[in-house]
Amino acid sequence: MSNAPPLQISNLVKRFGGLTAVEGVSLEVRDRECVGLLGPNGAGKSTTIRSIVGRVRPDAGTVRIFGHPAESAEARAAIGWVPQELALYPLLTCRENLDSFGRYQGLSGKGLHDAIAWCIQWATLADKADTIVKQLSGGMKRRLNMACGLIHHPRVVLLDEPTVGVDPQSRNNIFEMIEALRAEGMAIIYTTHYMEEAERLCDRIAIIDHGKVIALGTRDDLVHQSFGGRSDVLMRINDVDQKAAAWAGIRNGTYDGQVAHFSIEQPTEIASLLDGATNNGLDVIDVVLRRPNLESVFLQLTGRDLRE
């Protein structure tokens, strides 16, 4: 098992009554790799994560951590999970929270003392170490939440939207924390709704929808698979007569109520689009040409409709 990958999911299936939340997910995370897990609400991300940490028992398939079943003591010792919801004691200080979570993980004595010291430095909370949690800012709480979940220095780390609700400065701090984990050789699963975060932090990205992995690869791989050498044109239209949607559809584009989206092979095709808009009496306010990015891939594969 010493040569087994940090995380290996094979044909994972989980049903809740008549609902199939996860349907045949397979995924492997390699040493020192950060894999992004993206998907719309209800796509199966949370059930997959909970299966990895042993909180959900799959109906079929396997989850192995360095070759050990997810529910085994060896797997639990190797995993660190930071949930999206804050799991902190508001009336305890940062140091006391770390002490409590360290003891939950079986740490004691010098090992616990050293782990707390490392976490305080890693989370840049040295000047707040003896401040009670309820007095901390949202970003500080997020960083402490990460430290409490990873105080036992796991080899496989699961981060569930760790930057939700934080300011840009705190977000950059969290990015630096994650990059420090990677430098120490940890394997990471990172779930987020922020595409720019996945592009910055993740070596590979898995897009999951309707309980299945529908795309997997590097950012450049996914863009090439979805769009080849094509580019996006975003045309903002003042559509007083509600004609833009029909016109965009005829030109193989889409219209979201303000912006028409087109995919083109050559930039010279923009002239034809502008002529077509003018001939149809549409008032074009702005035009942007851009190469497809991860967000383009995500919307192409999962659709533009909002999911609750």
C-alpha atoms as a PDB file:
ATOM      1  CA  MET A   1       0.000   0.000   0.000  1.00  0.00           C
ATOM      2  CA  SER A   2       3.006   2.292   0.238  1.00  0.00           C
ATOM      3  CA  ASN A   3       2.731   2.963  -3.522  1.00  0.00           C
ATOM      4  CA  ALA A   4      -1.012   3.623  -3.400  1.00  0.00           C
ATOM      5  CA  PRO A   5      -2.166   7.132  -4.359  1.00  0.00           C
ATOM      6  CA  PRO A   6      -3.239   9.531  -1.602  1.00  0.00           C
ATOM      7  CA  LEU A   7      -6.872   9.315  -2.717  1.00  0.00           C
ATOM      8  CA  GLN A   8      -8.582   6.900  -5.076  1.00  0.00           C
ATOM      9  CA  ILE A   9     -12.338   6.914  -5.723  1.00  0.00           C
ATOM     10  CA  SER A  10     -13.671   4.086  -7.884  1.00  0.00           C
ATOM     11  CA  ASN A  11     -17.228   3.922  -9.299  1.00  0.00           C
ATOM     12  CA  LEU A  12     -18.765   5.648  -6.274  1.00  0.00           C
ATOM     13  CA  VAL A  13     -22.556   5.483  -6.022  1.00  0.00           C
ATOM     14  CA  LYS A  14     -24.792   6.970  -3.323  1.00  0.00           C
ATOM     15  CA  ARG A  15     -28.592   7.061  -3.312  1.00  0.00           C
ATOM     16  CA  PHE A  16     -30.964   8.762  -0.919  1.00  0.00           C
ATOM     17  CA  GLY A  17     -34.277   7.011  -1.477  1.00  0.00           C
ATOM     18  CA  GLY A  18     -35.188   7.603  -5.098  1.00  0.00           C
ATOM     19  CA  LEU A  19     -32.496  10.251  -5.563  1.00  0.00           C
ATOM     20  CA  THR A  20     -29.100   9.219  -6.921  1.00  0.00           C
ATOM     21  CA  ALA A  21     -26.745  11.887  -5.546  1.00  0.00           C
ATOM     22  CA  VAL A  22     -23.536  10.293  -6.857  1.00  0.00           C
ATOM     23  CA  GLU A  23     -23.560   8.013  -9.881  1.00  0.00           C
ATOM     24  CA  GLY A  24     -20.315   6.242 -10.693  1.00  0.00           C
ATOM     25  CA  VAL A  25     -17.745   8.892  -9.720  1.00  0.00           C
ATOM     26  CA  SER A  26     -14.114   7.851 -10.220  1.00  0.00           C
ATOM     27  CA  LEU A  27     -11.235  10.158  -9.332  1.00  0.00           C
ATOM     28  CA  GLU A  28      -7.609   9.883  -8.262  1.00  0.00           C
ATOM     29  CA  VAL A  29      -5.500  12.490  -6.488  1.00  0.00           C
ATOM     30  CA  ARG A  30      -1.749  12.132  -6.813  1.00  0.00           C
ATOM     31  CA  ASP A  31       1.087  13.056  -4.478  1.00  0.00           C
ATOM     32  CA  ARG A  32       1.510  16.839  -4.026  1.00  0.00           C
ATOM     33  CA  GLU A  33      -1.457  17.504  -6.309  1.00  0.00           C
ATOM     34  CA  CYS A  34      -4.331  19.933  -5.827  1.00  0.00           C
ATOM     35  CA  VAL A  35      -7.505  18.814  -7.601  1.00  0.00           C
ATOM     36  CA  GLY A  36     -10.418  21.229  -7.887  1.00  0.00           C
ATOM     37  CA  LEU A  37     -13.944  19.846  -7.567  1.00  0.00           C
ATOM     38  CA  LEU A  38     -16.444  22.118  -9.328  1.00  0.00           C
ATOM     39  CA  GLY A  39     -20.133  21.732  -9.912  1.00  0.00           C
ATOM     40  CA  PRO A  40     -23.511  23.464  -9.663  1.00  0.00           C
ATOM     41  CA  ASN A  41     -25.563  23.256  -6.481  1.00  0.00           C
ATOM     42  CA  GLY A  42     -26.889  19.731  -6.053  1.00  0.00           C
ATOM     43  CA  ALA A  43     -24.357  18.233  -8.463  1.00  0.00           C
ATOM     44  CA  GLY A  44     -23.020  15.693  -5.947  1.00  0.00           C
ATOM     45  CA  LYS A  45     -19.909  17.469  -4.635  1.00  0.00           C
ATOM     46  CA  SER A  46     -20.868  17.439  -0.961  1.00  0.00           C
ATOM     47  CA  THR A  47     -21.932  13.779  -1.016  1.00  0.00           C
ATOM     48  CA  THR A  48     -18.639  12.862  -2.666  1.00  0.00           C
ATOM     49  CA  ILE A  49     -16.666  14.777  -0.017  1.00  0.00           C
ATOM     50  CA  ARG A  50     -18.656  13.209   2.811  1.00  0.00           C
ATOM     51  CA  SER A  51     -18.016   9.774   1.341  1.00  0.00           C
ATOM     52  CA  ILE A  52     -14.277  10.483   1.339  1.00  0.00           C
ATOM     53  CA  VAL A  53     -14.265  11.484   5.026  1.00  0.00           C
ATOM     54  CA  GLY A  54     -16.452   8.553   6.024  1.00  0.00           C
ATOM     55  CA  ARG A  55     -19.563  10.577   6.905  1.00  0.00           C
ATOM     56  CA  VAL A  56     -21.612   8.872   4.168  1.00  0.00           C
ATOM     57  CA  ARG A  57     -21.590   5.143   3.449  1.00  0.00           C
ATOM     58  CA  PRO A  58     -21.666   4.540  -0.341  1.00  0.00           C
ATOM     59  CA  ASP A  59     -24.139   2.123  -1.895  1.00  0.00           C
ATOM     60  CA  ALA A  60     -21.454   0.965  -4.332  1.00  0.00           C
ATOM     61  CA  GLY A  61     -17.844   1.675  -5.227  1.00  0.00           C
ATOM     62  CA  THR A  62     -14.834   2.335  -3.033  1.00  0.00           C
ATOM     63  CA  VAL A  63     -12.917   5.219  -1.504  1.00  0.00           C
ATOM     64  CA  ARG A  64      -9.326   4.520  -0.480  1.00  0.00           C
ATOM     65  CA  ILE A  65      -6.755   6.707   1.246  1.00  0.00           C
ATOM     66  CA  PHE A  66      -3.227   5.443   0.566  1.00  0.00           C
ATOM     67  CA  GLY A  67      -4.874   2.097  -0.136  1.00  0.00           C
ATOM     68  CA  HIS A  68      -6.905   2.011   3.097  1.00  0.00           C
ATOM     69  CA  PRO A  69     -10.739   2.050   3.124  1.00  0.00           C
ATOM     70  CA  ALA A  70     -12.162   5.491   3.944  1.00  0.00           C
ATOM     71  CA  GLU A  71     -13.763   4.239   7.165  1.00  0.00           C
ATOM     72  CA  SER A  72     -10.531   2.737   8.525  1.00  0.00           C
ATOM     73  CA  ALA A  73      -8.451   4.225  11.337  1.00  0.00           C
ATOM     74  CA  GLU A  74      -5.482   4.580   8.964  1.00  0.00           C
ATOM     75  CA  ALA A  75      -7.549   6.609   6.485  1.00  0.00           C
ATOM     76  CA  ARG A  76      -9.068   8.856   9.156  1.00  0.00           C
ATOM     77  CA  ALA A  77      -5.614   9.624  10.555  1.00  0.00           C
ATOM     78  CA  ALA A  78      -4.366  10.612   7.095  1.00  0.00           C
ATOM     79  CA  ILE A  79      -7.286  12.939   6.238  1.00  0.00           C
ATOM     80  CA  GLY A  80      -7.972  16.512   7.267  1.00  0.00           C
ATOM     81  CA  TRP A  81     -11.373  17.998   6.437  1.00  0.00           C
ATOM     82  CA  VAL A  82     -12.234  21.692   6.608  1.00  0.00           C
ATOM     83  CA  PRO A  83     -16.015  22.051   6.120  1.00  0.00           C
ATOM     84  CA  GLN A  84     -17.604  25.191   4.721  1.00  0.00           C
ATOM     85  CA  GLU A  85     -19.486  25.778   7.981  1.00  0.00           C
ATOM     86  CA  LEU A  86     -17.358  27.240  10.758  1.00  0.00           C
ATOM     87  CA  ALA A  87     -16.745  24.648  13.500  1.00  0.00           C
ATOM     88  CA  LEU A  88     -15.278  26.707  16.329  1.00  0.00           C
ATOM     89  CA  TYR A  89     -15.940  27.387  20.015  1.00  0.00           C
ATOM     90  CA  PRO A  90     -16.846  31.104  20.081  1.00  0.00           C
ATOM     91  CA  LEU A  91     -16.079  31.624  23.784  1.00  0.00           C
ATOM     92  CA  LEU A  92     -12.637  30.015  23.634  1.00  0.00           C
ATOM     93  CA  THR A  93      -9.470  31.706  22.401  1.00  0.00           C
ATOM     94  CA  CYS A  94      -7.697  30.696  19.201  1.00  0.00           C
ATOM     95  CA  ARG A  95      -5.102  28.805  21.220  1.00  0.00           C
ATOM     96  CA  GLU A  96      -7.767  27.031  23.282  1.00  0.00           C
ATOM     97  CA  ASN A  97      -9.663  26.024  20.154  1.00  0.00           C
ATOM     98  CA  LEU A  98      -6.494  24.560  18.648  1.00  0.00           C
ATOM     99  CA  ASP A  99      -5.760  22.749  21.898  1.00  0.00           C
ATOM    100  CA  SER A 100      -9.247  21.198  21.917  1.00  0.00           C
ATOM    101  CA  PHE A 101      -9.172  20.098  18.274  1.00  0.00           C
ATOM    102  CA  GLY A 102      -5.634  18.783  18.674  1.00  0.00           C
ATOM    103  CA  ARG A 103      -6.723  16.602  21.580  1.00  0.00           C
ATOM    104  CA  TYR A 104      -9.661  15.321  19.502  1.00  0.00           C
ATOM    105  CA  GLN A 105      -7.056  14.151  16.990  1.00  0.00           C
ATOM    106  CA  GLY A 106      -5.086  12.333  19.685  1.00  0.00           C
ATOM    107  CA  LEU A 107      -2.292  14.877  20.110  1.00  0.00           C
ATOM    108  CA  SER A 108      -0.782  15.591  23.507  1.00  0.00           C
ATOM    109  CA  GLY A 109       2.354  16.905  25.218  1.00  0.00           C
ATOM    110  CA  LYS A 110       5.103  18.367  23.067  1.00  0.00           C
ATOM    111  CA  GLY A 111       3.452  17.150  19.870  1.00  0.00           C
ATOM    112  CA  LEU A 112       0.315  19.147  20.668  1.00  0.00           C
ATOM    113  CA  HIS A 113       2.337  22.194  21.757  1.00  0.00           C
ATOM    114  CA  ASP A 114       4.351  22.177  18.521  1.00  0.00           C
ATOM    115  CA  ALA A 115       1.216  21.664  16.393  1.00  0.00           C
ATOM    116  CA  ILE A 116      -0.516  24.654  18.000  1.00  0.00           C
ATOM    117  CA  ALA A 117       2.562  26.829  17.449  1.00  0.00           C
ATOM    118  CA  TRP A 118       2.752  25.776  13.784  1.00  0.00           C
ATOM    119  CA  CYS A 119      -0.961  26.439  13.217  1.00  0.00           C
ATOM    120  CA  ILE A 120      -0.849  29.903  14.785  1.00  0.00           C
ATOM    121  CA  GLN A 121       2.068  30.881  12.565  1.00  0.00           C
ATOM    122  CA  TRP A 122       0.624  29.220   9.455  1.00  0.00           C
ATOM    123  CA  ALA A 123      -2.734  30.962   9.893  1.00  0.00           C
ATOM    124  CA  THR A 124      -1.043  34.335  10.661  1.00  0.00           C
ATOM    125  CA  LEU A 125      -2.870  34.584  13.987  1.00  0.00           C
ATOM    126  CA  ALA A 126       0.104  35.219  16.296  1.00  0.00           C
ATOM    127  CA  ASP A 127      -1.273  38.557  17.502  1.00  0.00           C
ATOM    128  CA  LYS A 128      -4.738  37.015  18.050  1.00  0.00           C
ATOM    129  CA  ALA A 129      -3.722  33.720  19.636  1.00  0.00           C
ATOM    130  CA  ASP A 130      -5.258  34.604  23.018  1.00  0.00           C
ATOM    131  CA  THR A 131      -8.314  36.446  21.666  1.00  0.00           C
ATOM    132  CA  ILE A 132     -11.704  34.747  22.006  1.00  0.00           C
ATOM    133  CA  VAL A 133     -13.145  33.624  18.691  1.00  0.00           C
ATOM    134  CA  LYS A 134     -16.318  35.724  18.756  1.00  0.00           C
ATOM    135  CA  GLN A 135     -14.145  38.859  18.641  1.00  0.00           C
ATOM    136  CA  LEU A 136     -12.354  37.803  15.451  1.00  0.00           C
ATOM    137  CA  SER A 137     -13.125  39.040  11.942  1.00  0.00           C
ATOM    138  CA  GLY A 138     -14.695  36.690   9.417  1.00  0.00           C
ATOM    139  CA  GLY A 139     -11.380  36.123   7.661  1.00  0.00           C
ATOM    140  CA  MET A 140      -9.604  35.292  10.921  1.00  0.00           C
ATOM    141  CA  LYS A 141     -12.315  32.781  11.801  1.00  0.00           C
ATOM    142  CA  ARG A 142     -11.910  31.137   8.392  1.00  0.00           C
ATOM    143  CA  ARG A 143      -8.162  30.814   8.862  1.00  0.00           C
ATOM    144  CA  LEU A 144      -8.604  29.422  12.374  1.00  0.00           C
ATOM    145  CA  ASN A 145     -11.215  26.990  11.063  1.00  0.00           C
ATOM    146  CA  MET A 146      -8.657  25.675   8.584  1.00  0.00           C
ATOM    147  CA  ALA A 147      -5.997  25.382  11.287  1.00  0.00           C
ATOM    148  CA  CYS A 148      -8.327  23.448  13.608  1.00  0.00           C
ATOM    149  CA  GLY A 149      -9.226  21.003  10.841  1.00  0.00           C
ATOM    150  CA  LEU A 150      -5.603  20.389   9.893  1.00  0.00           C
ATOM    151  CA  ILE A 151      -3.836  20.572  13.269  1.00  0.00           C
ATOM    152  CA  HIS A 152      -2.841  16.895  13.066  1.00  0.00           C
ATOM    153  CA  HIS A 153      -0.886  17.644   9.861  1.00  0.00           C
ATOM    154  CA  PRO A 154      -2.776  15.229   7.578  1.00  0.00           C
ATOM    155  CA  ARG A 155      -1.389  13.965   4.299  1.00  0.00           C
ATOM    156  CA  VAL A 156      -4.695  14.369   2.407  1.00  0.00           C
ATOM    157  CA  VAL A 157      -6.595  17.644   2.797  1.00  0.00           C
ATOM    158  CA  LEU A 158     -10.203  18.363   1.821  1.00  0.00           C
ATOM    159  CA  LEU A 159     -11.107  22.062   1.679  1.00  0.00           C
ATOM    160  CA  ASP A 160     -14.781  22.883   1.144  1.00  0.00           C
ATOM    161  CA  GLU A 161     -15.117  26.468  -0.129  1.00  0.00           C
ATOM    162  CA  PRO A 162     -12.685  27.941   2.423  1.00  0.00           C
ATOM    163  CA  THR A 163     -12.936  31.523   1.111  1.00  0.00           C
ATOM    164  CA  VAL A 164     -16.717  31.964   1.321  1.00  0.00           C
ATOM    165  CA  GLY A 165     -17.614  35.362   2.756  1.00  0.00           C
ATOM    166  CA  VAL A 166     -14.084  36.696   3.264  1.00  0.00           C
ATOM    167  CA  ASP A 167     -12.541  39.954   2.078  1.00  0.00           C
ATOM    168  CA  PRO A 168      -9.850  40.060  -0.670  1.00  0.00           C
ATOM    169  CA  GLN A 169      -6.976  40.396   1.820  1.00  0.00           C
ATOM    170  CA  SER A 170      -8.119  37.349   3.796  1.00  0.00           C
ATOM    171  CA  ARG A 171      -8.631  35.428   0.553  1.00  0.00           C
ATOM    172  CA  ASN A 172      -5.002  36.061  -0.396  1.00  0.00           C
ATOM    173  CA  ASN A 173      -3.908  34.896   3.058  1.00  0.00           C
ATOM    174  CA  ILE A 174      -5.858  31.673   2.568  1.00  0.00           C
ATOM    175  CA  PHE A 175      -4.263  31.170  -0.857  1.00  0.00           C
ATOM    176  CA  GLU A 176      -0.829  31.490   0.763  1.00  0.00           C
ATOM    177  CA  MET A 177      -1.857  28.966   3.435  1.00  0.00           C
ATOM    178  CA  ILE A 178      -2.908  26.478   0.760  1.00  0.00           C
ATOM    179  CA  GLU A 179       0.303  26.982  -1.191  1.00  0.00           C
ATOM    180  CA  ALA A 180       2.231  26.294   2.026  1.00  0.00           C
ATOM    181  CA  LEU A 181       0.361  22.980   2.399  1.00  0.00           C
ATOM    182  CA  ARG A 182       1.324  22.016  -1.133  1.00  0.00           C
ATOM    183  CA  ALA A 183       4.944  22.900  -0.440  1.00  0.00           C
ATOM    184  CA  GLU A 184       4.856  20.411   2.441  1.00  0.00           C
ATOM    185  CA  GLY A 185       3.727  17.655   0.067  1.00  0.00           C
ATOM    186  CA  MET A 186       0.054  17.355   0.970  1.00  0.00           C
ATOM    187  CA  ALA A 187      -2.519  16.166  -1.559  1.00  0.00           C
ATOM    188  CA  ILE A 188      -5.544  18.486  -1.716  1.00  0.00           C
ATOM    189  CA  ILE A 189      -9.159  18.345  -2.895  1.00  0.00           C
ATOM    190  CA  TYR A 190     -10.493  21.891  -3.252  1.00  0.00           C
ATOM    191  CA  THR A 191     -14.174  22.687  -3.804  1.00  0.00           C
ATOM    192  CA  THR A 192     -15.140  26.197  -4.826  1.00  0.00           C
ATOM    193  CA  HIS A 193     -17.618  28.229  -6.843  1.00  0.00           C
ATOM    194  CA  TYR A 194     -14.910  30.769  -7.717  1.00  0.00           C
ATOM    195  CA  MET A 195     -13.407  29.801 -11.069  1.00  0.00           C
ATOM    196  CA  GLU A 196     -10.386  32.080 -10.678  1.00  0.00           C
ATOM    197  CA  GLU A 197      -9.467  30.234  -7.467  1.00  0.00           C
ATOM    198  CA  ALA A 198      -9.506  26.889  -9.235  1.00  0.00           C
ATOM    199  CA  GLU A 199      -7.408  28.281 -12.076  1.00  0.00           C
ATOM    200  CA  ARG A 200      -4.843  29.669  -9.629  1.00  0.00           C
ATOM    201  CA  LEU A 201      -4.570  26.798  -7.169  1.00  0.00           C
ATOM    202  CA  CYS A 202      -5.464  23.539  -8.910  1.00  0.00           C
ATOM    203  CA  ASP A 203      -3.264  21.278 -11.016  1.00  0.00           C
ATOM    204  CA  ARG A 204      -6.298  19.477 -12.400  1.00  0.00           C
ATOM    205  CA  ILE A 205     -10.015  20.212 -12.248  1.00  0.00           C
ATOM    206  CA  ALA A 206     -12.943  17.779 -12.083  1.00  0.00           C
ATOM    207  CA  ILE A 207     -16.344  19.138 -13.093  1.00  0.00           C
ATOM    208  CA  ILE A 208     -19.168  17.139 -11.560  1.00  0.00           C
ATOM    209  CA  ASP A 209     -22.831  17.381 -12.527  1.00  0.00           C
ATOM    210  CA  HIS A 210     -25.853  15.178 -11.912  1.00  0.00           C
ATOM    211  CA  GLY A 211     -23.660  12.919  -9.779  1.00  0.00           C
ATOM    212  CA  LYS A 212     -21.076  12.245 -12.508  1.00  0.00           C
ATOM    213  CA  VAL A 213     -17.622  13.574 -13.398  1.00  0.00           C
ATOM    214  CA  ILE A 214     -18.308  15.099 -16.798  1.00  0.00           C
ATOM    215  CA  ALA A 215     -14.836  16.589 -17.397  1.00  0.00           C
ATOM    216  CA  LEU A 216     -11.383  16.140 -15.852  1.00  0.00           C
ATOM    217  CA  GLY A 217      -8.051  17.684 -16.745  1.00  0.00           C
ATOM    218  CA  THR A 218      -5.862  20.745 -16.497  1.00  0.00           C
ATOM    219  CA  ARG A 219      -7.410  24.130 -17.146  1.00  0.00           C
ATOM    220  CA  ASP A 220      -5.856  24.249 -20.639  1.00  0.00           C
ATOM    221  CA  ASP A 221      -7.006  20.682 -21.379  1.00  0.00           C
ATOM    222  CA  LEU A 222     -10.604  21.505 -20.474  1.00  0.00           C
ATOM    223  CA  VAL A 223     -10.643  24.696 -22.549  1.00  0.00           C
ATOM    224  CA  HIS A 224      -9.213  22.889 -25.585  1.00  0.00           C
ATOM    225  CA  GLN A 225     -11.626  19.948 -25.216  1.00  0.00           C
ATOM    226  CA  SER A 226     -14.636  22.274 -25.066  1.00  0.00           C
ATOM    227  CA  PHE A 227     -13.668  25.039 -27.490  1.00  0.00           C
ATOM    228  CA  GLY A 228     -10.610  24.042 -29.499  1.00  0.00           C
ATOM    229  CA  GLY A 229      -9.153  27.292 -30.884  1.00  0.00           C
ATOM    230  CA  ARG A 230     -12.407  29.242 -30.672  1.00  0.00           C
ATOM    231  CA  SER A 231     -12.904  32.548 -28.827  1.00  0.00           C
ATOM    232  CA  ASP A 232     -15.865  34.118 -27.025  1.00  0.00           C
ATOM    233  CA  VAL A 233     -17.607  37.272 -28.140  1.00  0.00           C
ATOM    234  CA  LEU A 234     -19.689  39.087 -25.519  1.00  0.00           C
ATOM    235  CA  MET A 235     -21.999  41.674 -27.056  1.00  0.00           C
ATOM    236  CA  ARG A 236     -23.918  43.931 -24.660  1.00  0.00           C
ATOM    237  CA  ILE A 237     -27.237  44.962 -26.215  1.00  0.00           C
ATOM    238  CA  ASN A 238     -29.882  47.506 -25.254  1.00  0.00           C
ATOM    239  CA  ASP A 239     -32.808  45.297 -26.249  1.00  0.00           C
ATOM    240  CA  VAL A 240     -35.919  47.487 -25.946  1.00  0.00           C
ATOM    241  CA  ASP A 241     -37.896  45.401 -28.447  1.00  0.00           C
ATOM    242  CA  GLN A 242     -36.890  41.977 -27.030  1.00  0.00           C
ATOM    243  CA  LYS A 243     -35.503  40.782 -30.358  1.00  0.00           C
ATOM    244  CA  ALA A 244     -31.961  39.922 -29.255  1.00  0.00           C
ATOM    245  CA  ALA A 245     -32.649  36.380 -28.022  1.00  0.00           C
ATOM    246  CA  ALA A 246     -34.174  35.269 -31.331  1.00  0.00           C
ATOM    247  CA  TRP A 247     -31.405  36.944 -33.325  1.00  0.00           C
ATOM    248  CA  ALA A 248     -28.656  35.411 -31.164  1.00  0.00           C
ATOM    249  CA  GLY A 249     -30.244  31.969 -31.505  1.00  0.00           C
ATOM    250  CA  ILE A 250     -30.220  32.214 -35.295  1.00  0.00           C
ATOM    251  CA  ARG A 251     -26.478  33.009 -35.119  1.00  0.00           C
ATOM    252  CA  ASN A 252     -25.837  29.981 -32.842  1.00  0.00           C
ATOM    253  CA  GLY A 253     -25.446  32.238 -29.821  1.00  0.00           C
ATOM    254  CA  THR A 254     -27.282  32.782 -26.537  1.00  0.00           C
ATOM    255  CA  TYR A 255     -28.732  35.859 -24.858  1.00  0.00           C
ATOM    256  CA  ASP A 256     -29.075  36.261 -21.072  1.00  0.00           C
ATOM    257  CA  GLY A 257     -31.178  39.424 -21.043  1.00  0.00           C
ATOM    258  CA  GLN A 258     -28.278  41.842 -21.412  1.00  0.00           C
ATOM    259  CA  VAL A 259     -25.368  40.121 -23.145  1.00  0.00           C
ATOM    260  CA  ALA A 260     -25.320  37.994 -26.281  1.00  0.00           C
ATOM    261  CA  HIS A 261     -22.671  35.248 -26.248  1.00  0.00           C
ATOM    262  CA  PHE A 262     -21.089  33.858 -29.412  1.00  0.00           C
ATOM    263  CA  SER A 263     -18.247  31.463 -30.166  1.00  0.00           C
ATOM    264  CA  ILE A 264     -16.102  32.309 -33.199  1.00  0.00           C
ATOM    265  CA  GLU A 265     -13.090  30.890 -35.023  1.00  0.00           C
ATOM    266  CA  GLN A 266     -11.607  34.180 -36.242  1.00  0.00           C
ATOM    267  CA  PRO A 267     -11.801  37.735 -34.799  1.00  0.00           C
ATOM    268  CA  THR A 268     -12.869  38.966 -38.246  1.00  0.00           C
ATOM    269  CA  GLU A 269     -16.273  37.315 -37.633  1.00  0.00           C
ATOM    270  CA  ILE A 270     -17.092  40.169 -35.214  1.00  0.00           C
ATOM    271  CA  ALA A 271     -17.764  42.475 -38.166  1.00  0.00           C
ATOM    272  CA  SER A 272     -20.456  40.128 -39.453  1.00  0.00           C
ATOM    273  CA  LEU A 273     -22.063  39.969 -35.996  1.00  0.00           C
ATOM    274  CA  LEU A 274     -22.126  43.764 -35.744  1.00  0.00           C
ATOM    275  CA  ASP A 275     -23.623  44.093 -39.219  1.00  0.00           C
ATOM    276  CA  GLY A 276     -26.266  41.515 -38.335  1.00  0.00           C
ATOM    277  CA  ALA A 277     -27.180  43.317 -35.122  1.00  0.00           C
ATOM    278  CA  THR A 278     -27.500  46.637 -36.969  1.00  0.00           C
ATOM    279  CA  ASN A 279     -29.640  45.107 -39.719  1.00  0.00           C
ATOM    280  CA  ASN A 280     -31.968  43.711 -37.039  1.00  0.00           C
ATOM    281  CA  GLY A 281     -32.348  47.072 -35.343  1.00  0.00           C
ATOM    282  CA  LEU A 282     -30.384  46.121 -32.219  1.00  0.00           C
ATOM    283  CA  ASP A 283     -28.504  48.763 -30.212  1.00  0.00           C
ATOM    284  CA  VAL A 284     -25.045  47.313 -29.431  1.00  0.00           C
ATOM    285  CA  ILE A 285     -23.474  49.083 -26.442  1.00  0.00           C
ATOM    286  CA  ASP A 286     -20.212  47.160 -26.047  1.00  0.00           C
ATOM    287  CA  VAL A 287     -18.299  44.237 -27.573  1.00  0.00           C
ATOM    288  CA  VAL A 288     -15.630  42.127 -25.864  1.00  0.00           C
ATOM    289  CA  LEU A 289     -13.453  39.424 -27.449  1.00  0.00           C
ATOM    290  CA  ARG A 290     -11.849  36.933 -25.062  1.00  0.00           C
ATOM    291  CA  ARG A 291     -10.318  33.509 -25.037  1.00  0.00           C
ATOM    292  CA  PRO A 292     -12.471  30.929 -23.264  1.00  0.00           C
ATOM    293  CA  ASN A 293     -11.546  30.325 -19.623  1.00  0.00           C
ATOM    294  CA  LEU A 294     -12.601  27.853 -16.973  1.00  0.00           C
ATOM    295  CA  GLU A 295     -15.878  29.698 -16.415  1.00  0.00           C
ATOM    296  CA  SER A 296     -16.635  29.349 -20.128  1.00  0.00           C
ATOM    297  CA  VAL A 297     -16.048  25.597 -19.890  1.00  0.00           C
ATOM    298  CA  PHE A 298     -18.181  25.301 -16.766  1.00  0.00           C
ATOM    299  CA  LEU A 299     -21.138  27.110 -18.327  1.00  0.00           C
ATOM    300  CA  GLN A 300     -20.752  25.209 -21.586  1.00  0.00           C
ATOM    301  CA  LEU A 301     -20.927  21.863 -19.771  1.00  0.00           C
ATOM    302  CA  THR A 302     -23.455  22.586 -17.016  1.00  0.00           C
ATOM    303  CA  GLY A 303     -25.646  25.316 -18.555  1.00  0.00           C
ATOM    304  CA  ARG A 304     -26.398  28.896 -17.594  1.00  0.00           C
ATOM    305  CA  ASP A 305     -29.596  28.292 -15.664  1.00  0.00           C
ATOM    306  CA  LEU A 306     -29.385  29.166 -11.959  1.00  0.00           C
ATOM    307  CA  ARG A 307     -29.805  26.201  -9.606  1.00  0.00           C
ATOM    308  CA  GLU A 308     -30.979  26.561  -6.029  1.00  0.00           C
END
